[in-house]
PDB file of all heavy atoms in Angstrom:
ATOM      1  N   ASP A   1     -57.057  94.389   2.675  1.00  0.00           N
ATOM      2  CA  ASP A   1     -55.908  93.534   2.311  1.00  0.00           C
ATOM      3  C   ASP A   1     -55.972  93.202   0.851  1.00  0.00           C
ATOM      4  O   ASP A   1     -56.888  92.493   0.376  1.00  0.00           O
ATOM      5  CB  ASP A   1     -55.953  92.254   3.167  1.00  0.00           C
ATOM      6  CG  ASP A   1     -55.757  92.552   4.609  1.00  0.00           C
ATOM      7  OD1 ASP A   1     -55.009  93.532   4.970  1.00  0.00           O
ATOM      8  OD2 ASP A   1     -56.314  91.853   5.490  1.00  0.00           O
ATOM      9  N   ILE A   2     -54.989  93.658   0.130  1.00  0.00           N
ATOM     10  CA  ILE A   2     -54.863  93.297  -1.263  1.00  0.00           C
ATOM     11  C   ILE A   2     -54.122  91.988  -1.405  1.00  0.00           C
ATOM     12  O   ILE A   2     -53.059  91.833  -0.884  1.00  0.00           O
ATOM     13  CB  ILE A   2     -54.111  94.417  -2.050  1.00  0.00           C
ATOM     14  CG1 ILE A   2     -54.858  95.761  -1.946  1.00  0.00           C
ATOM     15  CG2 ILE A   2     -54.013  94.010  -3.527  1.00  0.00           C
ATOM     16  CD1 ILE A   2     -56.247  95.773  -2.419  1.00  0.00           C
ATOM     17  N   LEU A   3     -54.694  91.076  -2.172  1.00  0.00           N
ATOM     18  CA  LEU A   3     -54.122  89.721  -2.380  1.00  0.00           C
ATOM     19  C   LEU A   3     -53.805  89.561  -3.830  1.00  0.00           C
ATOM     20  O   LEU A   3     -54.341  90.271  -4.728  1.00  0.00           O
ATOM     21  CB  LEU A   3     -55.084  88.635  -1.952  1.00  0.00           C
ATOM     22  CG  LEU A   3     -55.497  88.653  -0.461  1.00  0.00           C
ATOM     23  CD1 LEU A   3     -56.567  87.600  -0.186  1.00  0.00           C
ATOM     24  CD2 LEU A   3     -54.289  88.432   0.437  1.00  0.00           C
ATOM     25  N   ILE A   4     -52.917  88.615  -4.176  1.00  0.00           N
ATOM     26  CA  ILE A   4     -52.540  88.327  -5.508  1.00  0.00           C
ATOM     27  C   ILE A   4     -52.573  86.795  -5.669  1.00  0.00           C
ATOM     28  O   ILE A   4     -52.083  86.067  -4.811  1.00  0.00           O
ATOM     29  CB  ILE A   4     -51.096  88.852  -5.823  1.00  0.00           C
ATOM     30  CG1 ILE A   4     -51.016  90.358  -5.550  1.00  0.00           C
ATOM     31  CG2 ILE A   4     -50.700  88.543  -7.251  1.00  0.00           C
ATOM     32  CD1 ILE A   4     -49.587  90.879  -5.474  1.00  0.00           C
ATOM     33  N   ILE A   5     -53.166  86.339  -6.773  1.00  0.00           N
ATOM     34  CA  ILE A   5     -53.262  84.868  -7.054  1.00  0.00           C
ATOM     35  C   ILE A   5     -52.606  84.599  -8.345  1.00  0.00           C
ATOM     36  O   ILE A   5     -52.691  85.323  -9.312  1.00  0.00           O
ATOM     37  CB  ILE A   5     -54.714  84.435  -7.054  1.00  0.00           C
ATOM     38  CG1 ILE A   5     -54.802  82.920  -7.129  1.00  0.00           C
ATOM     39  CG2 ILE A   5     -55.525  85.097  -8.147  1.00  0.00           C
ATOM     40  CD1 ILE A   5     -56.197  82.347  -6.893  1.00  0.00           C
ATOM     41  N   ASP A   6     -51.882  83.460  -8.426  1.00  0.00           N
ATOM     42  CA  ASP A   6     -51.257  82.983  -9.658  1.00  0.00           C
ATOM     43  C   ASP A   6     -51.101  81.507  -9.517  1.00  0.00           C
ATOM     44  O   ASP A   6     -51.290  80.907  -8.450  1.00  0.00           O
ATOM     45  CB  ASP A   6     -49.891  83.656  -9.855  1.00  0.00           C
ATOM     46  CG  ASP A   6     -49.414  83.581 -11.314  1.00  0.00           C
ATOM     47  OD1 ASP A   6     -50.176  83.061 -12.101  1.00  0.00           O
ATOM     48  OD2 ASP A   6     -48.258  84.013 -11.564  1.00  0.00           O
ATOM     49  N   SER A   7     -50.726  80.831 -10.627  1.00  0.00           N
ATOM     50  CA  SER A   7     -50.630  79.398 -10.627  1.00  0.00           C
ATOM     51  C   SER A   7     -49.338  78.959 -11.278  1.00  0.00           C
ATOM     52  O   SER A   7     -48.717  79.711 -12.052  1.00  0.00           O
ATOM     53  CB  SER A   7     -51.827  78.778 -11.394  1.00  0.00           C
ATOM     54  OG  SER A   7     -51.801  79.140 -12.747  1.00  0.00           O
ATOM     55  N   LYS A   8     -48.924  77.713 -10.964  1.00  0.00           N
ATOM     56  CA  LYS A   8     -47.714  77.137 -11.493  1.00  0.00           C
ATOM     57  C   LYS A   8     -47.929  75.671 -11.788  1.00  0.00           C
ATOM     58  O   LYS A   8     -48.380  74.929 -10.896  1.00  0.00           O
ATOM     59  CB  LYS A   8     -46.575  77.272 -10.524  1.00  0.00           C
ATOM     60  CG  LYS A   8     -45.311  76.514 -10.889  1.00  0.00           C
ATOM     61  CD  LYS A   8     -44.259  76.557  -9.743  1.00  0.00           C
ATOM     62  CE  LYS A   8     -43.020  75.745 -10.119  1.00  0.00           C
ATOM     63  NZ  LYS A   8     -42.030  75.740  -9.028  1.00  0.00           N
ATOM     64  N   PRO A   9     -47.689  75.200 -13.019  1.00  0.00           N
ATOM     65  CA  PRO A   9     -47.823  73.742 -13.279  1.00  0.00           C
ATOM     66  C   PRO A   9     -46.859  72.925 -12.475  1.00  0.00           C
ATOM     67  O   PRO A   9     -45.699  73.309 -12.245  1.00  0.00           O
ATOM     68  CB  PRO A   9     -47.515  73.671 -14.808  1.00  0.00           C
ATOM     69  CG  PRO A   9     -47.661  75.068 -15.314  1.00  0.00           C
ATOM     70  CD  PRO A   9     -47.234  75.954 -14.192  1.00  0.00           C
ATOM     71  N   LEU A  10     -47.296  71.739 -12.072  1.00  0.00           N
ATOM     72  CA  LEU A  10     -46.468  70.748 -11.377  1.00  0.00           C
ATOM     73  C   LEU A  10     -46.497  69.474 -12.192  1.00  0.00           C
ATOM     74  O   LEU A  10     -47.246  68.528 -11.835  1.00  0.00           O
ATOM     75  CB  LEU A  10     -46.951  70.544  -9.934  1.00  0.00           C
ATOM     76  CG  LEU A  10     -47.038  71.759  -9.037  1.00  0.00           C
ATOM     77  CD1 LEU A  10     -47.638  71.362  -7.690  1.00  0.00           C
ATOM     78  CD2 LEU A  10     -45.634  72.398  -8.834  1.00  0.00           C
ATOM     79  N   PRO A  11     -45.774  69.411 -13.283  1.00  0.00           N
ATOM     80  CA  PRO A  11     -45.888  68.241 -14.171  1.00  0.00           C
ATOM     81  C   PRO A  11     -45.156  67.028 -13.608  1.00  0.00           C
ATOM     82  O   PRO A  11     -44.123  67.107 -12.934  1.00  0.00           O
ATOM     83  CB  PRO A  11     -45.197  68.723 -15.447  1.00  0.00           C
ATOM     84  CG  PRO A  11     -44.201  69.778 -14.944  1.00  0.00           C
ATOM     85  CD  PRO A  11     -44.831  70.459 -13.765  1.00  0.00           C
ATOM     86  N   ILE A  12     -45.755  65.846 -13.926  1.00  0.00           N
ATOM     87  CA  ILE A  12     -45.080  64.594 -13.643  1.00  0.00           C
ATOM     88  C   ILE A  12     -44.657  63.947 -14.973  1.00  0.00           C
ATOM     89  O   ILE A  12     -43.895  62.982 -14.963  1.00  0.00           O
ATOM     90  CB  ILE A  12     -45.914  63.615 -12.842  1.00  0.00           C
ATOM     91  CG1 ILE A  12     -47.232  63.232 -13.618  1.00  0.00           C
ATOM     92  CG2 ILE A  12     -46.277  64.202 -11.482  1.00  0.00           C
ATOM     93  CD1 ILE A  12     -48.035  62.166 -12.930  1.00  0.00           C
ATOM     94  N   ALA A  13     -45.192  64.485 -16.091  1.00  0.00           N
ATOM     95  CA  ALA A  13     -44.786  63.961 -17.425  1.00  0.00           C
ATOM     96  C   ALA A  13     -45.183  64.994 -18.483  1.00  0.00           C
ATOM     97  O   ALA A  13     -46.140  65.762 -18.311  1.00  0.00           O
ATOM     98  CB  ALA A  13     -45.480  62.636 -17.734  1.00  0.00           C
ATOM     99  N   GLN A  14     -44.460  64.989 -19.554  1.00  0.00           N
ATOM    100  CA  GLN A  14     -44.694  65.875 -20.667  1.00  0.00           C
ATOM    101  C   GLN A  14     -44.501  65.111 -21.965  1.00  0.00           C
ATOM    102  O   GLN A  14     -43.842  64.065 -21.996  1.00  0.00           O
ATOM    103  CB  GLN A  14     -43.801  67.120 -20.643  1.00  0.00           C
ATOM    104  CG  GLN A  14     -44.101  68.071 -19.508  1.00  0.00           C
ATOM    105  CD  GLN A  14     -43.177  69.279 -19.489  1.00  0.00           C
ATOM    106  OE1 GLN A  14     -42.092  69.228 -18.940  1.00  0.00           O
ATOM    107  NE2 GLN A  14     -43.640  70.343 -20.092  1.00  0.00           N
ATOM    108  N   GLY A  15     -45.019  65.676 -23.065  1.00  0.00           N
ATOM    109  CA  GLY A  15     -44.825  65.023 -24.390  1.00  0.00           C
ATOM    110  C   GLY A  15     -45.486  63.676 -24.483  1.00  0.00           C
ATOM    111  O   GLY A  15     -46.563  63.432 -23.956  1.00  0.00           O
ATOM    112  N   ALA A  16     -44.774  62.726 -25.166  1.00  0.00           N
ATOM    113  CA  ALA A  16     -45.307  61.392 -25.390  1.00  0.00           C
ATOM    114  C   ALA A  16     -45.524  60.629 -24.064  1.00  0.00           C
ATOM    115  O   ALA A  16     -46.347  59.699 -24.017  1.00  0.00           O
ATOM    116  CB  ALA A  16     -44.365  60.608 -26.281  1.00  0.00           C
ATOM    117  N   ARG A  17     -44.796  60.959 -23.008  1.00  0.00           N
ATOM    118  CA  ARG A  17     -44.897  60.245 -21.774  1.00  0.00           C
ATOM    119  C   ARG A  17     -46.275  60.476 -21.043  1.00  0.00           C
ATOM    120  O   ARG A  17     -46.581  59.776 -20.148  1.00  0.00           O
ATOM    121  CB  ARG A  17     -43.768  60.629 -20.839  1.00  0.00           C
ATOM    122  CG  ARG A  17     -42.379  60.203 -21.355  1.00  0.00           C
ATOM    123  CD  ARG A  17     -41.323  60.560 -20.356  1.00  0.00           C
ATOM    124  NE  ARG A  17     -39.987  60.109 -20.819  1.00  0.00           N
ATOM    125  CZ  ARG A  17     -38.876  60.259 -20.096  1.00  0.00           C
ATOM    126  NH1 ARG A  17     -38.930  60.817 -18.901  1.00  0.00           N
ATOM    127  NH2 ARG A  17     -37.705  59.799 -20.556  1.00  0.00           N
ATOM    128  N   MET A  18     -46.952  61.507 -21.508  1.00  0.00           N
ATOM    129  CA  MET A  18     -48.276  61.816 -20.824  1.00  0.00           C
ATOM    130  C   MET A  18     -49.285  60.680 -21.018  1.00  0.00           C
ATOM    131  O   MET A  18     -50.201  60.545 -20.231  1.00  0.00           O
ATOM    132  CB  MET A  18     -48.850  63.130 -21.376  1.00  0.00           C
ATOM    133  CG  MET A  18     -48.050  64.362 -21.027  1.00  0.00           C
ATOM    134  SD  MET A  18     -48.952  65.920 -21.390  1.00  0.00           S
ATOM    135  CE  MET A  18     -49.070  65.775 -23.160  1.00  0.00           C
ATOM    136  N   LYS A  19     -49.135  59.906 -22.085  1.00  0.00           N
ATOM    137  CA  LYS A  19     -50.113  58.864 -22.377  1.00  0.00           C
ATOM    138  C   LYS A  19     -49.816  57.535 -21.686  1.00  0.00           C
ATOM    139  O   LYS A  19     -50.609  56.603 -21.778  1.00  0.00           O
ATOM    140  CB  LYS A  19     -50.151  58.621 -23.892  1.00  0.00           C
ATOM    141  CG  LYS A  19     -50.598  59.860 -24.702  1.00  0.00           C
ATOM    142  CD  LYS A  19     -50.633  59.573 -26.181  1.00  0.00           C
ATOM    143  CE  LYS A  19     -51.063  60.839 -26.958  1.00  0.00           C
ATOM    144  NZ  LYS A  19     -51.103  60.543 -28.428  1.00  0.00           N
ATOM    145  N   ARG A  20     -48.681  57.415 -20.982  1.00  0.00           N
ATOM    146  CA  ARG A  20     -48.366  56.178 -20.293  1.00  0.00           C
ATOM    147  C   ARG A  20     -49.213  56.053 -19.061  1.00  0.00           C
ATOM    148  O   ARG A  20     -49.614  57.019 -18.425  1.00  0.00           O
ATOM    149  CB  ARG A  20     -46.888  56.161 -19.917  1.00  0.00           C
ATOM    150  CG  ARG A  20     -45.950  56.179 -21.106  1.00  0.00           C
ATOM    151  CD  ARG A  20     -44.501  56.208 -20.631  1.00  0.00           C
ATOM    152  NE  ARG A  20     -43.590  56.261 -21.763  1.00  0.00           N
ATOM    153  CZ  ARG A  20     -42.226  56.345 -21.658  1.00  0.00           C
ATOM    154  NH1 ARG A  20     -41.719  56.324 -20.425  1.00  0.00           N
ATOM    155  NH2 ARG A  20     -41.496  56.384 -22.716  1.00  0.00           N
ATOM    156  N   PRO A  21     -49.524  54.792 -18.707  1.00  0.00           N
ATOM    157  CA  PRO A  21     -50.372  54.566 -17.473  1.00  0.00           C
ATOM    158  C   PRO A  21     -49.640  55.099 -16.211  1.00  0.00           C
ATOM    159  O   PRO A  21     -48.408  54.990 -16.126  1.00  0.00           O
ATOM    160  CB  PRO A  21     -50.468  53.058 -17.396  1.00  0.00           C
ATOM    161  CG  PRO A  21     -50.230  52.576 -18.822  1.00  0.00           C
ATOM    162  CD  PRO A  21     -49.236  53.543 -19.395  1.00  0.00           C
ATOM    163  N   ARG A  22     -50.366  55.688 -15.303  1.00  0.00           N
ATOM    164  CA  ARG A  22     -49.832  56.266 -14.098  1.00  0.00           C
ATOM    165  C   ARG A  22     -50.548  55.762 -12.811  1.00  0.00           C
ATOM    166  O   ARG A  22     -51.777  55.553 -12.885  1.00  0.00           O
ATOM    167  CB  ARG A  22     -49.927  57.812 -14.122  1.00  0.00           C
ATOM    168  CG  ARG A  22     -49.249  58.459 -15.300  1.00  0.00           C
ATOM    169  CD  ARG A  22     -47.736  58.512 -15.123  1.00  0.00           C
ATOM    170  NE  ARG A  22     -47.110  58.905 -16.373  1.00  0.00           N
ATOM    171  CZ  ARG A  22     -45.782  58.982 -16.530  1.00  0.00           C
ATOM    172  NH1 ARG A  22     -44.989  58.692 -15.527  1.00  0.00           N
ATOM    173  NH2 ARG A  22     -45.250  59.353 -17.640  1.00  0.00           N
ATOM    174  N   GLN A  23     -49.783  55.559 -11.766  1.00  0.00           N
ATOM    175  CA  GLN A  23     -50.407  55.164 -10.518  1.00  0.00           C
ATOM    176  C   GLN A  23     -51.157  56.356  -9.857  1.00  0.00           C
ATOM    177  O   GLN A  23     -52.102  56.149  -9.137  1.00  0.00           O
ATOM    178  CB  GLN A  23     -49.357  54.615  -9.566  1.00  0.00           C
ATOM    179  CG  GLN A  23     -48.794  53.272  -9.969  1.00  0.00           C
ATOM    180  CD  GLN A  23     -47.789  52.727  -8.978  1.00  0.00           C
ATOM    181  OE1 GLN A  23     -47.327  53.471  -8.076  1.00  0.00           O
ATOM    182  NE2 GLN A  23     -47.492  51.445  -9.089  1.00  0.00           N
ATOM    183  N   GLN A  24     -50.705  57.530 -10.170  1.00  0.00           N
ATOM    184  CA  GLN A  24     -51.289  58.732  -9.606  1.00  0.00           C
ATOM    185  C   GLN A  24     -52.568  59.055 -10.447  1.00  0.00           C
ATOM    186  O   GLN A  24     -52.482  59.863 -11.366  1.00  0.00           O
ATOM    187  CB  GLN A  24     -50.333  59.937  -9.601  1.00  0.00           C
ATOM    188  CG  GLN A  24     -49.104  59.641  -8.763  1.00  0.00           C
ATOM    189  CD  GLN A  24     -48.180  60.879  -8.667  1.00  0.00           C
ATOM    190  OE1 GLN A  24     -48.671  61.989  -8.534  1.00  0.00           O
ATOM    191  NE2 GLN A  24     -46.904  60.672  -8.795  1.00  0.00           N
TER     192      GLN A  24
END
């Protein structure tokens, strides 16, 4: 069985907002 693996970002914030406090 040949398999293929790849990834995808799931962002909750980008840019300047990355530095803000997060509950997650």
